Amino acid sequence: MGKYPPEMCIIGFHYRKKLYICKLFRNESCMKKNAPQKSSQRPVIKRTHRISFLMNDEEQKILDKYVSKYKVENVSKFVREAVIRTALRQLDQDRPTLFDQK
């Protein structure tokens, strides 16, 4: 831990037998448990709904290749953002318009 400055949090997690390291800058709420939240910070929204899905061998190989090639440190965040991005894009395309677009 000596090679990282004290203002950084180092978080490690395991995914498919590999260790990924995430470096985050500390803020006061990270360092103090009961620190009051500043008004300029966004409120923290807890994730309470769990979604799990299965992948076949080819899909898993593709995901593993992408994660290693582009050095994705947080696979869960990557998959969550990809799903939400796709859903929002589709909802945006399907929204009603005032005039027919051809």
Protein backbone atom coordinates (compact mmCIF):
# COMPACT_ATOMS: atom_id res chain seq x y z
CA MET A 1 0.00 0.00 0.00
CA GLY A 2 3.00 2.30 0.33
CA LYS A 3 3.21 3.09 -3.39
CA TYR A 4 -0.26 4.69 -3.47
CA PRO A 5 -0.92 8.17 -2.06
CA PRO A 6 -3.04 8.20 1.13
CA GLU A 7 -5.91 9.97 -0.66
CA MET A 8 -6.65 6.86 -2.74
CA CYS A 9 -8.82 3.82 -1.92
CA ILE A 10 -7.60 0.56 -3.42
CA ILE A 11 -10.37 -1.99 -3.98
CA GLY A 12 -9.86 -5.49 -5.33
CA PHE A 13 -12.44 -7.99 -6.55
CA HIS A 14 -12.33 -11.41 -8.18
CA TYR A 15 -14.03 -12.25 -11.47
CA ARG A 16 -13.59 -15.64 -13.13
CA LYS A 17 -10.49 -16.50 -11.08
CA LYS A 18 -8.76 -13.18 -11.93
CA LEU A 19 -8.13 -10.30 -9.55
CA TYR A 20 -9.08 -6.81 -10.73
CA ILE A 21 -7.86 -3.74 -8.86
CA CYS A 22 -9.81 -0.49 -8.79
CA LYS A 23 -8.19 2.74 -7.60
CA LEU A 24 -10.58 5.39 -6.29
CA PHE A 25 -9.83 8.80 -4.83
CA ARG A 26 -10.96 9.12 -1.24
CA ASN A 27 -13.39 11.77 -0.19
CA GLU A 28 -14.47 12.69 3.32
CA SER A 29 -17.48 10.36 3.29
CA CYS A 30 -15.17 7.47 2.32
CA MET A 31 -12.84 8.20 5.20
CA LYS A 32 -15.46 8.95 7.89
CA LYS A 33 -18.47 6.70 8.31
CA ASN A 34 -20.81 9.29 9.79
CA ALA A 35 -19.65 12.33 7.84
CA PRO A 36 -22.50 14.65 6.86
CA GLN A 37 -23.29 14.68 3.16
CA LYS A 38 -22.48 17.89 1.33
CA SER A 39 -25.30 19.50 -0.63
CA SER A 40 -23.22 19.51 -3.84
CA GLN A 41 -22.90 15.71 -3.82
CA ARG A 42 -25.46 13.50 -5.51
CA PRO A 43 -27.52 11.40 -3.11
CA VAL A 44 -26.45 7.76 -2.97
CA ILE A 45 -29.05 5.44 -4.45
CA LYS A 46 -28.71 1.88 -3.13
CA ARG A 47 -29.07 -0.97 -5.57
CA THR A 48 -31.56 -3.39 -4.03
CA HIS A 49 -32.76 -5.37 -7.06
CA ARG A 50 -30.64 -8.31 -8.16
CA ILE A 51 -30.66 -9.59 -11.74
CA SER A 52 -28.74 -12.67 -12.74
CA PHE A 53 -28.47 -14.32 -16.12
CA LEU A 54 -26.68 -17.22 -17.74
CA MET A 55 -24.34 -17.10 -20.71
CA ASN A 56 -23.30 -19.84 -23.08
CA ASP A 57 -19.63 -20.63 -23.70
CA GLU A 58 -19.32 -18.37 -26.77
CA GLU A 59 -20.90 -15.37 -25.01
CA GLN A 60 -18.62 -15.85 -22.00
CA LYS A 61 -15.53 -16.05 -24.24
CA ILE A 62 -16.55 -12.82 -25.97
CA LEU A 63 -17.05 -11.05 -22.63
CA ASP A 64 -13.75 -12.36 -21.25
CA LYS A 65 -11.90 -11.26 -24.40
CA TYR A 66 -13.44 -7.77 -24.25
CA VAL A 67 -12.68 -7.41 -20.52
CA SER A 68 -9.04 -8.39 -20.96
CA LYS A 69 -8.46 -6.45 -24.21
CA TYR A 70 -9.94 -3.16 -22.97
CA LYS A 71 -8.84 -3.65 -19.34
CA VAL A 72 -12.33 -3.31 -17.88
CA GLU A 73 -11.83 -3.09 -14.13
CA ASN A 74 -15.47 -3.40 -13.05
CA VAL A 75 -17.32 -6.01 -15.11
CA SER A 76 -20.55 -5.59 -13.16
CA LYS A 77 -20.61 -1.85 -13.87
CA PHE A 78 -19.76 -2.48 -17.53
CA VAL A 79 -22.63 -4.96 -18.03
CA ARG A 80 -25.09 -2.78 -16.08
CA GLU A 81 -24.24 0.32 -18.14
CA ALA A 82 -24.44 -1.64 -21.42
CA VAL A 83 -27.93 -2.93 -20.58
CA ILE A 84 -29.22 0.47 -19.46
CA ARG A 85 -27.65 2.19 -22.50
CA THR A 86 -29.38 -0.25 -24.86
CA ALA A 87 -32.74 0.11 -23.08
CA LEU A 88 -32.58 3.93 -23.09
CA ARG A 89 -31.60 4.02 -26.77
CA GLN A 90 -34.56 1.80 -27.70
CA LEU A 91 -36.98 3.82 -25.56
CA ASP A 92 -35.71 7.01 -27.19
CA GLN A 93 -36.28 5.56 -30.66
CA ASP A 94 -39.79 4.38 -29.77
CA ARG A 95 -41.02 7.63 -28.23
CA PRO A 96 -44.01 9.23 -29.93
CA THR A 97 -43.29 12.12 -32.28
CA LEU A 98 -45.43 15.00 -33.40
CA PHE A 99 -44.86 14.30 -37.09
CA ASP A 100 -44.25 10.99 -38.86
CA GLN A 101 -40.57 10.46 -39.50
CA LYS A 102 -39.75 8.31 -42.52
